[in-house]
Amino acid sequence: MKMKIRQIFLVLTFSITFVTALQTVPVIVASHKLVPELKSEINADNIEAHNVTSVTNMLKKLITACSSDEYLLVNIPGLQLDDITDNKVEQWPFVSNYLKMASSLVGLPWVHGTLDFQFLERYIIRNCQAEAVYVNSVNHEEVAPYYDVRTRVIVVNLPPLPIDGSRDGTLKEYDELIRKIIRKLPSPHYTLLITSDVTTTTHPVPHTFIRSNPDRFEIFNNIINHSSRATEYERNDNVKNVDPIWHKPKHTNDRYLRNKKKDEIHFFRDNELWMKYQQLVTTVIVMILGLFMMKIISIFGNIKQWIIDKKRKNQLIIEKNKKHD
């Protein structure tokens, strides 16, 4: 009887597990520059699988900020949570350093469904006026050297991870490729997205077990969930904007014109010169205006006197003609 009850219990447990199992992928998001409140679009913790729509909304919020010069979208088919836990950090020496330097960092062990790389690529191009670059092998030479400052969205589609003993070596190879691509960037401002376009079956795990074993159920727990990540702040505000130094032309004619310009006096352009001679200039202008007004008054006086004399002369002529009559 006990054996039958146990068998029934095992069958029910298996059935529930099979029904509630999800097809998920892990997702890592890192931005060198801070994008405030990036996690507000997703669940507060990782005890359950995240909805792919909410994760996409989070990425749209990240992209809309256009705070990066390079958006690196890395697709590693077959990537699983076990490949990116603290136990595997030695296989990711370069990526782990990039994650430590990132100001905004999100690690999602389980996302229900795969991300749409084509949509994300178009969204970056449209919002950040980016240029698309494609890498379809483990060859960083597919990313040409930079000759301009235009934003890049680099879509990397790597071969599927092997399931034999060479898996760890392949992870290191992919880690090295990511480093070589990021090093080609002429600025340190990058956004890195690592995920898989192939889902794996995820069975439910008790929440208490997940919380008590973050090293097994969190992506690079010691990096992403470090105590310093409790507060958001810009970790890479070390580069200050400095105006470029423009050298003066050395052509002799340009130098002659420049020196000639210096010798010219411009009272109303040179504030110091105007303040120095303000009183003198004002006095001269007042004197000139005074002389001008006196001259105008004198002219009007002469005209008035001429009119008066003209009238008197005409009056005398009229009276003289009357006497003769």
Protein backbone atom coordinates (compact mmCIF):
# COMPACT_ATOMS: atom_id res chain seq x y z
CA MET A 1 0.00 0.00 0.00
CA LYS A 2 2.80 2.38 0.96
CA MET A 3 4.59 1.52 -2.27
CA LYS A 4 1.52 2.45 -4.33
CA ILE A 5 1.11 5.75 -2.49
CA ARG A 6 4.77 6.56 -3.11
CA GLN A 7 4.44 5.73 -6.80
CA ILE A 8 1.34 7.88 -7.09
CA PHE A 9 3.17 10.73 -5.35
CA LEU A 10 6.13 10.44 -7.72
CA VAL A 11 3.84 10.39 -10.75
CA LEU A 12 1.98 13.48 -9.54
CA THR A 13 5.22 15.26 -8.77
CA PHE A 14 6.60 14.45 -12.21
CA SER A 15 3.36 15.54 -13.87
CA ILE A 16 3.29 18.87 -12.03
CA THR A 17 6.95 19.48 -12.83
CA PHE A 18 6.41 18.64 -16.49
CA VAL A 19 3.39 20.92 -16.74
CA THR A 20 5.05 23.87 -14.98
CA ALA A 21 8.43 23.52 -16.73
CA LEU A 22 9.35 26.53 -18.85
CA GLN A 23 11.49 27.11 -21.92
CA THR A 24 13.92 29.81 -20.84
CA VAL A 25 17.20 31.54 -21.69
CA PRO A 26 19.64 33.48 -19.49
CA VAL A 27 20.24 37.16 -20.23
CA ILE A 28 23.13 39.43 -19.24
CA VAL A 29 22.86 43.20 -19.80
CA ALA A 30 25.70 45.60 -19.01
CA SER A 31 26.04 49.31 -19.77
CA HIS A 32 29.28 51.18 -19.19
CA LYS A 33 27.29 54.37 -18.58
CA LEU A 34 24.54 54.54 -15.98
CA VAL A 35 20.94 54.21 -17.15
CA PRO A 36 18.91 55.06 -14.01
CA GLU A 37 16.11 52.76 -12.82
CA LEU A 38 16.78 50.22 -15.53
CA LYS A 39 15.34 47.38 -13.45
CA SER A 40 12.02 49.15 -12.94
CA GLU A 41 10.62 47.38 -16.02
CA ILE A 42 11.14 43.85 -14.64
CA ASN A 43 10.42 41.86 -11.47
CA ALA A 44 12.36 42.84 -8.40
CA ASP A 45 14.07 39.44 -8.01
CA ASN A 46 14.99 36.35 -9.99
CA ILE A 47 13.14 33.62 -8.13
CA GLU A 48 10.77 33.21 -11.07
CA ALA A 49 11.24 33.42 -14.82
CA HIS A 50 10.95 36.89 -16.30
CA ASN A 51 8.48 37.68 -19.03
CA VAL A 52 10.21 38.32 -22.37
CA THR A 53 8.00 41.37 -22.99
CA SER A 54 9.08 43.09 -19.78
CA VAL A 55 12.74 42.29 -20.55
CA THR A 56 12.31 43.78 -24.03
CA ASN A 57 10.81 46.92 -22.48
CA MET A 58 13.80 47.15 -20.18
CA LEU A 59 16.14 46.94 -23.17
CA LYS A 60 14.12 49.61 -25.01
CA LYS A 61 14.57 51.89 -22.01
CA LEU A 62 18.31 51.19 -22.08
CA ILE A 63 18.58 51.84 -25.81
CA THR A 64 16.48 55.02 -25.75
CA ALA A 65 19.12 56.65 -23.54
CA CYS A 66 21.65 56.27 -26.42
CA SER A 67 24.44 56.45 -23.85
CA SER A 68 26.74 53.99 -25.65
CA ASP A 69 28.94 54.20 -28.72
CA GLU A 70 28.77 50.45 -29.28
CA TYR A 71 25.90 48.03 -28.73
CA LEU A 72 27.20 44.46 -28.75
CA LEU A 73 24.41 41.87 -29.10
CA VAL A 74 25.91 38.43 -28.56
CA ASN A 75 23.91 35.30 -29.35
CA ILE A 76 25.44 32.08 -27.99
CA PRO A 77 23.09 29.21 -28.93
CA GLY A 78 22.77 26.71 -26.11
CA LEU A 79 24.01 29.09 -23.40
CA GLN A 80 22.62 28.00 -20.02
CA LEU A 81 22.63 29.37 -16.51
CA ASP A 82 25.28 26.81 -15.49
CA ASP A 83 27.67 28.40 -18.01
CA ILE A 84 27.59 31.84 -16.35
CA THR A 85 27.53 31.25 -12.61
CA ASP A 86 30.32 31.97 -10.12
CA ASN A 87 31.64 28.45 -10.72
CA LYS A 88 32.37 29.39 -14.35
CA VAL A 89 33.78 32.87 -13.82
CA GLU A 90 37.28 31.63 -14.75
CA GLN A 91 35.98 30.90 -18.25
CA TRP A 92 34.95 34.58 -18.59
CA PRO A 93 37.98 36.61 -17.41
CA PHE A 94 37.36 39.53 -19.78
CA VAL A 95 33.58 39.63 -19.73
CA SER A 96 33.59 39.49 -15.93
CA ASN A 97 35.86 42.56 -15.87
CA TYR A 98 33.52 44.41 -18.23
CA LEU A 99 30.63 43.54 -15.92
CA LYS A 100 32.52 44.87 -12.90
CA MET A 101 33.16 48.17 -14.69
CA ALA A 102 29.57 48.58 -15.90
CA SER A 103 27.48 51.25 -14.19
CA SER A 104 24.21 49.52 -15.05
CA LEU A 105 24.19 45.73 -14.74
CA VAL A 106 21.38 43.17 -14.93
CA GLY A 107 21.58 39.38 -14.80
CA LEU A 108 18.45 37.34 -15.48
CA PRO A 109 18.88 33.57 -14.98
CA TRP A 110 15.54 32.69 -16.58
CA VAL A 111 13.67 34.59 -19.27
CA HIS A 112 10.56 32.87 -20.63
CA GLY A 113 11.21 32.97 -24.38
CA THR A 114 13.99 34.35 -26.58
CA LEU A 115 14.76 37.97 -27.38
CA ASP A 116 14.14 39.32 -30.87
CA PHE A 117 17.60 40.41 -32.03
CA GLN A 118 16.28 41.85 -35.29
CA PHE A 119 13.85 44.09 -33.43
CA LEU A 120 16.57 45.26 -31.02
CA GLU A 121 18.92 45.94 -33.91
CA ARG A 122 16.34 48.05 -35.75
CA TYR A 123 15.42 49.86 -32.52
CA ILE A 124 19.06 50.84 -31.92
CA ILE A 125 19.54 51.97 -35.53
CA ARG A 126 16.37 54.07 -35.48
CA ASN A 127 16.86 55.70 -32.08
CA CYS A 128 20.63 56.12 -31.99
CA GLN A 129 21.41 56.55 -35.72
CA ALA A 130 23.65 53.51 -35.53
CA GLU A 131 25.38 51.47 -38.21
CA ALA A 132 24.93 47.68 -38.18
CA VAL A 133 27.88 45.27 -38.23
CA TYR A 134 27.50 41.48 -38.33
CA VAL A 135 29.82 38.81 -36.96
CA ASN A 136 28.93 35.22 -37.82
CA SER A 137 32.05 33.41 -36.65
CA VAL A 138 34.75 33.53 -34.01
CA ASN A 139 36.71 36.02 -36.10
CA HIS A 140 36.98 39.55 -34.74
CA GLU A 141 38.34 40.74 -38.11
CA GLU A 142 34.73 40.86 -39.32
CA VAL A 143 34.50 44.09 -37.31
CA ALA A 144 36.43 46.65 -39.34
CA PRO A 145 38.57 49.28 -37.58
CA TYR A 146 36.78 52.49 -36.69
CA TYR A 147 37.38 55.51 -38.92
CA ASP A 148 34.52 57.64 -37.61
CA VAL A 149 32.53 58.22 -34.43
CA ARG A 150 29.20 56.83 -35.60
CA THR A 151 27.44 54.50 -33.17
CA ARG A 152 27.70 50.79 -33.99
CA VAL A 153 25.31 47.92 -33.28
CA ILE A 154 27.35 44.75 -33.61
CA VAL A 155 25.27 41.59 -33.90
CA VAL A 156 27.32 38.50 -33.07
CA ASN A 157 25.86 35.08 -33.93
CA LEU A 158 28.25 32.41 -32.63
CA PRO A 159 28.29 28.65 -33.25
CA PRO A 160 26.30 26.56 -30.75
CA LEU A 161 28.10 25.55 -27.58
CA PRO A 162 29.37 21.95 -27.64
CA ILE A 163 28.01 19.50 -25.09
CA ASP A 164 31.27 17.61 -24.61
CA GLY A 165 34.39 18.42 -22.60
CA SER A 166 35.38 21.27 -24.91
CA ARG A 167 32.54 23.46 -23.67
CA ASP A 168 34.65 25.40 -21.14
CA GLY A 169 37.32 26.04 -23.76
CA THR A 170 34.67 27.36 -26.16
CA LEU A 171 33.38 29.74 -23.47
CA LYS A 172 36.90 31.13 -23.07
CA GLU A 173 37.19 31.51 -26.84
CA TYR A 174 33.94 33.48 -26.96
CA ASP A 175 35.09 35.59 -24.01
CA GLU A 176 38.28 36.48 -25.91
CA LEU A 177 36.27 37.39 -29.02
CA ILE A 178 34.09 39.81 -27.04
CA ARG A 179 37.21 41.45 -25.63
CA LYS A 180 38.76 41.91 -29.09
CA ILE A 181 35.57 43.47 -30.46
CA ILE A 182 35.14 45.90 -27.55
CA ARG A 183 38.81 46.92 -27.76
CA LYS A 184 38.24 48.19 -31.29
CA LEU A 185 35.86 50.81 -29.94
CA PRO A 186 37.45 54.29 -29.89
CA SER A 187 35.61 55.13 -26.64
CA PRO A 188 34.88 53.13 -23.47
CA HIS A 189 31.10 53.52 -23.69
CA TYR A 190 29.62 50.13 -24.55
CA THR A 191 26.43 48.17 -23.96
CA LEU A 192 26.78 44.40 -23.83
CA LEU A 193 23.91 41.92 -24.21
CA ILE A 194 24.63 38.17 -23.95
CA THR A 195 21.90 35.56 -24.37
CA SER A 196 20.85 32.56 -26.48
CA ASP A 197 18.29 32.08 -29.21
CA VAL A 198 17.81 28.45 -28.13
CA THR A 199 15.75 27.82 -25.02
CA THR A 200 16.37 25.13 -22.42
CA THR A 201 13.84 23.41 -20.20
CA THR A 202 13.69 24.91 -16.72
CA HIS A 203 11.98 23.01 -13.94
CA PRO A 204 10.57 24.83 -10.92
CA VAL A 205 12.81 25.10 -7.87
CA PRO A 206 11.55 26.06 -4.39
CA HIS A 207 12.03 29.76 -3.76
CA THR A 208 13.75 29.21 -0.43
CA PHE A 209 16.28 26.92 -2.12
CA ILE A 210 17.02 29.55 -4.79
CA ARG A 211 17.52 32.30 -2.19
CA SER A 212 19.79 30.11 -0.07
CA ASN A 213 21.97 29.12 -3.05
CA PRO A 214 22.62 32.29 -5.11
CA ASP A 215 25.93 30.90 -6.36
CA ARG A 216 23.99 28.22 -8.23
CA PHE A 217 20.92 30.18 -9.33
CA GLU A 218 22.24 33.68 -10.05
CA ILE A 219 24.38 34.89 -12.95
CA PHE A 220 27.84 35.75 -11.61
CA ASN A 221 26.33 36.40 -8.20
CA ASN A 222 29.47 37.91 -6.65
CA ILE A 223 29.59 40.53 -9.41
CA ILE A 224 26.00 41.34 -10.33
CA ASN A 225 24.59 41.11 -6.79
CA HIS A 226 27.57 42.66 -5.01
CA SER A 227 26.62 44.91 -2.10
CA SER A 228 27.94 47.96 -3.99
CA ARG A 229 25.16 47.43 -6.56
CA ALA A 230 22.47 48.24 -3.98
CA THR A 231 22.78 51.93 -4.90
CA GLU A 232 22.89 53.19 -8.48
CA TYR A 233 25.67 55.60 -9.35
CA GLU A 234 27.89 56.47 -12.29
CA ARG A 235 31.04 54.38 -11.95
CA ASN A 236 32.85 55.73 -15.01
CA ASP A 237 32.69 59.50 -14.74
CA ASN A 238 36.46 59.85 -14.94
CA VAL A 239 36.69 61.37 -18.42
CA LYS A 240 36.08 65.12 -18.44
CA ASN A 241 35.06 67.00 -21.56
CA VAL A 242 37.89 69.27 -22.66
CA ASP A 243 37.57 71.75 -25.51
CA PRO A 244 39.96 70.97 -28.36
CA ILE A 245 43.01 73.16 -28.89
CA TRP A 246 42.73 74.89 -32.24
CA HIS A 247 46.15 75.94 -33.56
CA LYS A 248 46.35 79.32 -35.25
CA PRO A 249 47.11 79.34 -38.98
CA LYS A 250 50.81 79.73 -39.79
CA HIS A 251 50.37 81.22 -43.24
CA THR A 252 52.15 84.60 -43.39
CA ASN A 253 49.19 86.38 -44.98
CA ASP A 254 46.87 85.06 -42.29
CA ARG A 255 49.31 86.23 -39.65
CA TYR A 256 49.49 89.70 -41.25
CA LEU A 257 45.69 90.01 -41.29
CA ARG A 258 45.48 88.77 -37.71
CA ASN A 259 48.05 91.28 -36.49
CA LYS A 260 46.38 94.06 -38.45
CA LYS A 261 43.11 93.19 -36.78
CA LYS A 262 44.75 93.53 -33.38
CA ASP A 263 45.90 97.10 -34.24
CA GLU A 264 42.38 98.23 -35.07
CA ILE A 265 40.46 100.09 -32.39
CA HIS A 266 36.89 99.02 -31.77
CA PHE A 267 35.40 100.92 -28.89
CA PHE A 268 32.10 99.12 -28.89
CA ARG A 269 33.58 95.63 -29.24
CA ASP A 270 36.36 96.01 -26.71
CA ASN A 271 34.66 96.38 -23.36
CA GLU A 272 37.85 97.21 -21.44
CA LEU A 273 38.81 99.90 -23.91
CA TRP A 274 35.32 101.38 -23.76
CA MET A 275 35.34 101.48 -19.94
CA LYS A 276 38.74 103.15 -19.96
CA TYR A 277 37.78 106.00 -22.33
CA GLN A 278 34.06 106.17 -21.63
CA GLN A 279 34.11 109.58 -19.95
CA LEU A 280 36.33 111.15 -22.61
CA VAL A 281 34.24 109.79 -25.46
CA THR A 282 31.04 110.93 -23.78
CA THR A 283 32.44 114.43 -23.30
CA VAL A 284 33.51 114.69 -26.92
CA ILE A 285 30.12 113.49 -28.15
CA VAL A 286 28.32 116.03 -25.90
CA MET A 287 30.55 118.84 -27.18
CA ILE A 288 29.94 117.88 -30.80
CA LEU A 289 26.21 117.72 -30.21
CA GLY A 290 26.34 121.13 -28.45
CA LEU A 291 28.19 122.78 -31.32
CA PHE A 292 25.79 121.17 -33.77
CA MET A 293 22.76 122.50 -31.88
CA MET A 294 24.29 125.99 -31.66
CA LYS A 295 24.92 125.93 -35.39
CA ILE A 296 21.30 124.88 -36.03
CA ILE A 297 19.99 127.64 -33.76
CA SER A 298 22.20 130.21 -35.52
CA ILE A 299 20.93 129.13 -38.93
CA PHE A 300 17.29 129.32 -37.82
CA GLY A 301 18.01 132.79 -36.30
CA ASN A 302 19.47 134.06 -39.57
CA ILE A 303 16.52 132.68 -41.51
CA LYS A 304 14.10 134.37 -39.12
CA GLN A 305 15.94 137.70 -39.36
CA TRP A 306 15.99 137.49 -43.16
CA ILE A 307 12.22 136.94 -43.18
CA ILE A 308 11.68 139.94 -40.87
CA ASP A 309 13.92 142.18 -43.00
CA LYS A 310 12.13 141.03 -46.12
CA LYS A 311 8.77 141.93 -44.63
CA ARG A 312 10.01 145.39 -43.54
CA LYS A 313 11.42 146.09 -46.98
CA ASN A 314 8.15 145.16 -48.64
CA GLN A 315 6.24 147.34 -46.16
CA LEU A 316 8.44 150.35 -46.94
CA ILE A 317 7.89 149.88 -50.65
CA ILE A 318 4.13 149.76 -50.15
CA GLU A 319 4.12 152.98 -48.01
CA LYS A 320 6.33 154.78 -50.56
CA ASN A 321 3.96 153.91 -53.37
CA LYS A 322 1.02 155.25 -51.36
CA LYS A 323 2.70 158.68 -50.92
CA HIS A 324 3.30 159.06 -54.62
CA ASP A 325 -0.36 158.32 -55.30
